[in-house]
Protein backbone atom coordinates (compact mmCIF):
# COMPACT_ATOMS: atom_id res chain seq x y z
CA MET A 1 6.93 23.85 4.57
CA ARG A 2 3.38 22.96 3.97
CA GLY A 3 3.93 19.32 4.17
CA ALA A 4 5.58 19.68 7.34
CA ALA A 5 3.19 21.75 8.85
CA SER A 6 0.51 19.08 7.77
CA LEU A 7 2.32 16.43 9.33
CA LEU A 8 2.36 18.37 12.72
CA ALA A 9 -1.47 18.99 12.42
CA VAL A 10 -2.00 15.28 11.83
CA LEU A 11 0.41 14.13 14.78
CA ALA A 12 -1.70 16.48 17.10
CA ALA A 13 -4.78 15.03 16.26
CA LEU A 14 -3.67 11.43 16.56
CA ALA A 15 -1.87 12.04 19.69
CA ALA A 16 -5.42 12.73 21.40
CA ALA A 17 -6.48 9.07 20.47
CA GLY A 18 -7.39 6.61 23.00
CA CYS A 19 -6.98 2.73 22.60
CA GLY A 20 -10.08 1.37 24.24
CA LEU A 21 -10.45 -1.32 26.77
CA GLY A 22 -11.48 -4.88 26.48
CA PRO A 23 -13.42 -6.89 23.53
CA GLY A 24 -16.79 -5.69 22.72
CA ALA A 25 -19.86 -8.16 21.54
CA GLN A 26 -19.81 -9.09 18.01
CA ARG A 27 -21.48 -6.94 15.46
CA GLU A 28 -24.31 -8.20 13.14
CA GLY A 29 -23.05 -8.62 9.76
CA GLY A 30 -19.54 -9.75 7.66
CA GLY A 31 -16.06 -9.18 8.79
CA ALA A 32 -13.36 -6.86 7.62
CA THR A 33 -10.22 -7.11 5.65
CA LEU A 34 -6.70 -5.56 6.40
CA ARG A 35 -4.19 -4.79 3.81
CA VAL A 36 -0.54 -3.40 4.25
CA THR A 37 1.04 -2.07 1.44
CA ARG A 38 4.12 0.34 0.67
CA ASP A 39 4.58 2.86 -2.31
CA PHE A 40 1.24 3.98 -3.02
CA GLY A 41 -0.25 0.43 -3.18
CA ARG A 42 2.50 -0.82 -5.43
CA GLU A 43 3.84 -3.58 -3.23
CA LEU A 44 1.59 -5.84 -0.79
CA LEU A 45 3.31 -6.28 2.55
CA SER A 46 0.53 -8.50 4.22
CA SER A 47 -3.07 -9.21 4.46
CA ALA A 48 -5.53 -10.53 6.83
CA THR A 49 -9.17 -11.01 7.09
CA VAL A 50 -11.38 -11.23 10.34
CA GLY A 51 -14.76 -13.07 10.08
CA LYS A 52 -16.57 -10.62 12.60
CA VAL A 53 -16.00 -7.15 13.57
CA ARG A 54 -16.84 -6.47 17.50
CA GLU A 55 -18.20 -3.40 18.84
CA ASP A 56 -15.12 -1.63 19.93
CA GLN A 57 -12.88 -2.87 17.15
CA THR A 58 -10.81 -0.15 15.93
CA VAL A 59 -8.33 0.37 13.02
CA LEU A 60 -5.50 0.32 15.30
CA ARG A 61 -6.74 -2.74 17.30
CA LEU A 62 -7.05 -4.55 13.83
CA LEU A 63 -3.58 -3.76 12.78
CA ARG A 64 -1.99 -4.87 16.29
CA SER A 65 -3.90 -8.16 16.09
CA ARG A 66 -1.83 -9.08 12.66
CA ASN A 67 1.14 -7.44 12.74
CA LYS A 68 4.02 -5.92 15.00
CA VAL A 69 3.17 -2.15 15.36
CA LYS A 70 5.26 0.50 17.28
CA THR A 71 3.35 4.01 17.92
CA ARG A 72 4.42 7.53 19.05
CA TYR A 73 2.14 10.22 20.70
CA GLY A 74 0.61 8.06 23.40
CA GLY A 75 -0.12 5.34 21.11
CA GLY A 76 -2.29 7.50 18.47
CA PHE A 77 0.38 7.46 15.55
CA VAL A 78 1.74 4.42 13.71
CA GLN A 79 5.48 4.78 13.63
CA SER A 80 6.53 1.32 12.40
CA ILE A 81 4.55 -1.79 10.86
CA ASP A 82 6.49 -4.77 10.98
CA GLY A 83 9.79 -3.02 11.41
CA LEU A 84 9.27 -0.59 8.49
CA SER A 85 9.38 2.93 10.28
CA GLY A 86 8.03 6.54 9.02
CA GLN A 87 10.91 8.97 8.58
CA GLY A 88 8.87 12.05 9.55
CA GLN A 89 9.73 15.34 8.23
CA SER A 90 13.55 14.32 7.41
CA GLY A 91 12.50 11.58 5.18
CA PHE A 92 9.05 12.43 3.74
CA ALA A 93 7.83 8.74 4.30
CA ASP A 94 5.20 7.65 6.96
CA TRP A 95 2.17 5.42 7.30
CA PHE A 96 -1.22 6.38 6.06
CA TYR A 97 -4.58 4.67 6.30
CA TYR A 98 -7.89 4.17 4.48
CA VAL A 99 -11.17 2.79 5.18
CA ASN A 100 -13.14 1.57 2.06
CA GLY A 101 -10.48 3.91 -0.33
CA LEU A 102 -11.13 6.66 1.80
CA GLU A 103 -8.67 8.59 3.93
CA ALA A 104 -9.90 8.86 7.43
CA ASP A 105 -10.22 12.26 9.30
CA LYS A 106 -9.59 10.61 12.64
CA GLY A 107 -6.64 8.41 14.39
CA ALA A 108 -6.44 5.05 13.69
CA ALA A 109 -7.27 4.40 17.67
CA GLN A 110 -10.46 6.04 17.49
CA TYR A 111 -11.93 4.89 14.21
CA GLU A 112 -14.25 1.70 14.96
CA LEU A 113 -14.79 -0.59 12.27
CA THR A 114 -18.01 -1.52 10.57
CA PRO A 115 -18.78 -5.07 9.01
CA GLY A 116 -17.50 -5.11 5.22
CA ASP A 117 -14.76 -2.40 5.95
CA ILE A 118 -11.50 -2.73 3.86
CA VAL A 119 -8.71 -1.04 5.71
CA GLN A 120 -5.23 -0.34 3.82
CA TRP A 121 -2.05 0.66 5.68
CA ASP A 122 0.38 2.41 2.94
CA TYR A 123 3.77 3.46 3.68
CA ARG A 124 4.42 6.13 1.18
CA ASN A 125 6.41 9.39 0.31
CA TRP A 126 4.40 12.53 1.17
CA ARG A 127 6.66 15.04 -0.34
CA GLU A 128 4.35 16.14 -3.12
CA THR A 129 1.33 15.95 -1.13
CA MET A 130 -0.26 14.53 1.98
CA ASP A 131 -3.66 14.85 0.78
CA VAL A 132 -4.62 11.81 -1.19
CA ARG A 133 -7.99 11.58 0.01
CA ALA A 134 -9.51 8.97 -2.11
CA THR A 135 -8.16 5.82 -3.79
CA VAL A 136 -9.56 3.33 -6.09
CA GLY A 137 -7.96 0.38 -4.42
CA ALA A 138 -10.75 -0.93 -2.54
CA PHE A 139 -13.49 -1.33 -5.16
CA PRO A 140 -16.37 -2.17 -4.89
CA GLU A 141 -15.95 0.17 -1.78
CA PRO A 142 -16.80 2.96 -1.10
CA PHE A 143 -19.69 2.35 -2.90
CA LEU A 144 -20.65 -1.06 -1.15
CA HIS A 145 -20.54 0.14 2.55
CA GLY A 146 -19.52 3.62 2.48
CA LEU A 147 -17.77 5.28 5.42
CA GLU A 148 -18.41 4.37 9.03
CA GLY A 149 -21.32 2.35 8.20
CA ARG A 150 -23.10 4.98 6.04
CA ARG A 151 -23.30 4.10 2.43
CA PHE A 152 -23.76 7.25 -0.12
CA PRO A 153 -26.15 6.40 -3.08
CA THR A 154 -24.32 5.90 -5.93
CA ARG A 155 -25.25 7.81 -9.22
CA VAL A 156 -23.60 6.92 -12.53
CA GLU A 157 -23.04 10.09 -14.64
CA CYS A 158 -22.60 9.40 -18.60
CA GLU A 159 -21.62 11.30 -21.54
CA ASP A 160 -23.90 8.71 -23.34
CA ALA A 161 -26.35 6.62 -21.36
CA VAL A 162 -26.87 4.04 -23.90
CA SER A 163 -23.05 3.56 -24.86
CA ARG A 164 -21.36 0.18 -24.01
CA ALA A 165 -19.08 2.27 -21.54
CA CYS A 166 -21.82 3.35 -19.73
CA LYS A 167 -23.62 0.27 -19.45
CA THR A 168 -20.42 -1.78 -18.53
CA VAL A 169 -19.54 0.68 -15.63
CA LYS A 170 -23.40 -0.12 -14.51
CA ARG A 171 -23.14 -3.68 -15.00
CA ASN A 172 -19.90 -4.09 -13.03
CA LEU A 173 -21.27 -2.09 -10.16
CA ASP A 174 -24.53 -4.44 -10.01
CA GLU A 175 -22.34 -7.51 -10.32
CA ALA A 176 -20.53 -6.21 -7.02
CA GLY A 177 -24.01 -5.72 -5.13
CA VAL A 178 -24.05 -1.89 -5.81
CA PRO A 179 -27.28 -0.28 -6.86
CA ALA A 180 -26.62 2.50 -9.04
CA THR A 181 -29.00 5.31 -10.49
CA GLY A 182 -28.24 6.95 -13.74
CA ALA A 183 -28.09 10.49 -14.37
CA ALA A 184 -26.78 12.88 -17.05
CA LEU A 185 -23.35 14.32 -17.03
CA GLY A 186 -23.10 17.04 -14.21
CA ALA A 187 -26.74 16.50 -13.01
CA PRO A 188 -27.41 18.75 -9.80
CA GLY A 189 -26.88 17.45 -6.27
CA THR A 190 -23.46 16.29 -5.82
CA GLN A 191 -23.46 16.33 -1.94
CA GLU A 192 -24.21 12.86 -0.03
CA VAL A 193 -23.96 11.05 -3.34
CA ALA A 194 -20.99 8.91 -4.42
CA ARG A 195 -20.72 9.80 -8.29
CA VAL A 196 -18.80 7.70 -11.05
CA VAL A 197 -18.33 10.16 -14.00
CA VAL A 198 -17.99 8.14 -17.16
CA ALA A 199 -16.94 10.43 -20.16
CA THR A 200 -14.26 11.40 -22.76
CA TRP A 201 -12.03 13.77 -21.30
CA GLN A 202 -13.41 16.82 -23.32
CA ARG A 203 -16.74 16.18 -21.66
CA ALA A 204 -15.66 15.12 -18.31
CA ARG A 205 -13.65 18.55 -17.96
CA GLU A 206 -16.65 20.42 -18.07
CA LEU A 207 -17.48 19.34 -14.17
CA PRO A 208 -15.13 21.76 -12.05
CA THR A 209 -14.10 18.92 -9.73
CA VAL A 210 -13.15 16.54 -12.63
CA ARG A 211 -11.27 19.47 -14.28
CA ALA A 212 -8.98 19.43 -11.10
CA LEU A 213 -7.22 16.24 -12.84
CA GLU A 214 -5.37 19.11 -15.01
CA ASP A 215 -3.70 20.46 -11.84
CA GLU A 216 -0.45 19.33 -10.11
CA ALA A 217 -0.83 16.17 -7.89
CA GLY A 218 -0.46 18.40 -4.84
CA GLU A 219 -3.89 20.03 -5.63
CA SER A 220 -5.70 17.13 -7.52
CA GLY A 221 -4.35 14.28 -5.13
CA VAL A 222 -4.17 12.19 -8.38
CA PHE A 223 -0.55 11.63 -9.94
CA ALA A 224 -1.69 12.43 -13.64
CA ARG A 225 -2.80 15.12 -15.65
CA PHE A 226 -4.46 15.58 -18.80
CA ARG A 227 -2.73 18.16 -21.07
CA ASP A 228 -3.92 19.41 -24.86
CA GLY A 229 -7.66 18.71 -24.27
CA GLY A 230 -6.80 15.31 -23.82
CA ARG A 231 -4.57 14.56 -26.39
CA LYS A 232 -1.92 13.92 -23.79
CA LEU A 233 -1.94 11.99 -20.42
CA GLU A 234 0.96 13.13 -18.16
CA LEU A 235 1.87 10.14 -15.80
CA LEU A 236 3.67 11.20 -12.78
CA ASP A 237 5.73 9.88 -10.23
CA GLU A 238 5.76 10.11 -6.37
CA ARG A 239 7.41 13.53 -6.70
CA GLY A 240 4.66 14.88 -8.97
CA GLU A 241 7.31 14.93 -11.98
CA VAL A 242 6.30 13.61 -15.19
CA ALA A 243 7.81 10.05 -15.69
CA ASP A 244 5.91 9.17 -18.96
CA THR A 245 3.42 10.54 -21.33
CA ALA A 246 0.51 8.98 -22.84
CA GLY A 247 -1.57 9.50 -25.88
CA ALA A 248 -5.27 9.78 -26.20
CA ASP A 249 -5.66 6.28 -26.51
CA THR A 250 -5.07 5.96 -22.66
CA GLY A 251 -7.80 5.96 -20.13
CA LEU A 252 -7.80 6.82 -16.43
CA VAL A 253 -9.73 5.70 -13.49
CA ALA A 254 -9.18 7.93 -10.60
CA ALA A 255 -10.95 8.82 -7.21
CA ARG A 256 -11.30 12.27 -5.37
CA ARG A 257 -12.96 13.47 -2.38
CA PRO A 258 -13.50 17.15 -3.19
CA SER A 259 -15.24 17.51 0.39
CA ASP A 260 -16.45 15.50 3.21
CA THR A 261 -19.70 15.15 1.51
CA GLU A 262 -18.59 14.26 -1.68
CA ILE A 263 -17.32 10.95 -3.36
CA LEU A 264 -16.26 11.29 -6.77
CA TRP A 265 -14.67 8.48 -9.25
CA VAL A 266 -13.71 9.34 -12.55
CA VAL A 267 -13.60 6.87 -15.50
CA THR A 268 -12.08 8.66 -18.58
CA GLY A 269 -9.94 8.92 -21.46
CA GLY A 270 -8.53 11.35 -24.02
CA ASP A 271 -10.87 10.04 -26.75
CA GLN A 272 -13.29 6.89 -27.15
CA ARG A 273 -10.44 4.30 -27.32
CA GLY A 274 -9.17 5.64 -24.00
CA LEU A 275 -12.56 5.60 -22.60
CA ASP A 276 -13.16 2.08 -23.40
CA ALA A 277 -9.56 1.26 -22.13
CA ALA A 278 -10.45 2.84 -18.60
CA VAL A 279 -13.80 0.89 -18.58
CA ARG A 280 -11.95 -2.14 -19.04
CA VAL A 281 -9.87 -1.92 -15.97
CA PHE A 282 -12.85 -0.83 -13.95
CA GLU A 283 -13.16 -4.10 -11.72
CA ALA A 284 -11.84 -5.34 -8.41
CA ASP A 285 -8.65 -7.43 -9.45
CA THR A 286 -7.06 -4.49 -11.50
CA LEU A 287 -7.82 -1.80 -9.06
CA ARG A 288 -6.86 -3.46 -5.75
CA ASP A 289 -4.72 -1.68 -3.65
CA ALA A 290 -3.97 1.13 -6.25
CA PHE A 291 -4.39 4.93 -5.77
CA ALA A 292 -5.35 5.45 -9.63
CA VAL A 293 -5.04 3.55 -12.67
CA ALA A 294 -3.89 4.26 -16.16
CA ALA A 295 -5.35 1.94 -18.75
CA THR A 296 -2.57 2.12 -21.63
CA PRO A 297 -2.48 0.08 -24.98
CA ASP A 298 0.19 -2.10 -23.35
CA GLY A 299 -1.88 -2.85 -20.11
CA PRO A 300 -2.72 -0.88 -16.75
CA ARG A 301 -0.19 0.97 -14.84
CA ASP A 302 -0.71 1.84 -11.23
CA LEU A 303 -0.13 5.71 -10.39
CA PRO A 304 1.97 7.37 -9.47
CA LEU A 305 4.91 5.60 -11.30
CA GLU A 306 8.08 4.77 -9.58
CA SER A 307 10.69 7.52 -9.36
CA THR A 308 13.93 6.90 -11.39
CA ARG A 309 15.48 9.40 -9.35
């Protein structure tokens, strides 16, 4: 099974992690935020902030300083947090962590924090996919601080550069302290750049990395699928099954990381009403801790939806 093989590969990598020795000197800049959630960010279990980050402060050390943690494989793999334990291959539920909305490629005991980092530990089902490489829940990250202290330049690509939707997204980024340039939809040079695509689905899907949102969640990493040219948006549950279907007037805010050098956010909708709805939820309070958000006429809905099975 692909999921089981992937989990074993992750465990092998994490087992090599070390825990570090002793406190280091404080680093210049701000502190860090820790959020512990479950079920794709739907439920917040605990949160904490530290005012300063030390030179050897790791993701695991931060977690241990605020929560009761049990580990396996030499301390590199988090088995339980505050008594909530992973189920491994038999139960398809485990702990995963993200820094600034991006899934890390190293063990938590190896990942050193930088000032401003937002760390989210989420206990979730991985039956459909282990590979959810990016989430929207740390906004304005990863645009503000990037990953491991390296910020990618932010570029907003709009269907219509003078539209209210485009201007609103740029303004929200600017108010969050993120400098952003503008570009035409599908402008060349997609690597080493954090891109925000703002367009109706018919235009947005012209970009191959965006068009992946028509695929299964196991392929796209996003629990939503556009159908019929954007006239329908299928909202999926954690099993990757259709839990609800929305019309073209529903928007979507989702993040992808197509490669290690690409960060892609999509703000889109089946029609202009759907795009406008997506733009309205493009702000920190609504996106907090979410993996992706559907902006429906009845309000925002975090994705994936809860399974009824």
